[in-house]
Amino acid sequence: MDDEPLEILRRVAKHLKSIHLPTQAGEAKRPIKWAEKAANNIEDYLSGKKKSLDTAFALKKKRAPTKENEHIALASEVYKLRLAGKSWIETYDIISTKDYTVTDESTIRKIFKKHFAKLAADDVQLDED
């Protein structure tokens, strides 16, 4: 990577840290909070504590790991059980013995409802093939 942009960032951070609120004679210099925060964010990036300026300035939200694959597997299993004629109570009893992280019936129903259309469409496509 070209060192020039990094040197510019170092200078910007140094300049931001030098900005202070106007004070009266004899008062200690007080940094402007936003300037100090911006300088610290740049320094975090330059030191490698943050991988990008976006993360240093929290411009990109960290995505929580999703359980999407587990939810699809869960919905698929519920779909098969319901097609086999199992009631919701029977389906819940069977699902609750498995190693899914979702354990409450209302959440299982919501996950199933979310994925039902795709599961049914995939099922119809398999029948047509």
Foldseek 3Di string as FASTA:
>chain_A
DDCVVLVVLLVQLVVLQVAFDDDDPPDDTHHDVVSNLLSVLSVCCSVVVDVDSCVSVVVDPDDDDDPVVLLLVLLLQLVVCVVVVDDLVRSLVVSCVDDRPDNDSVVSVVSNVVCVVVSVVVVVVVVVD
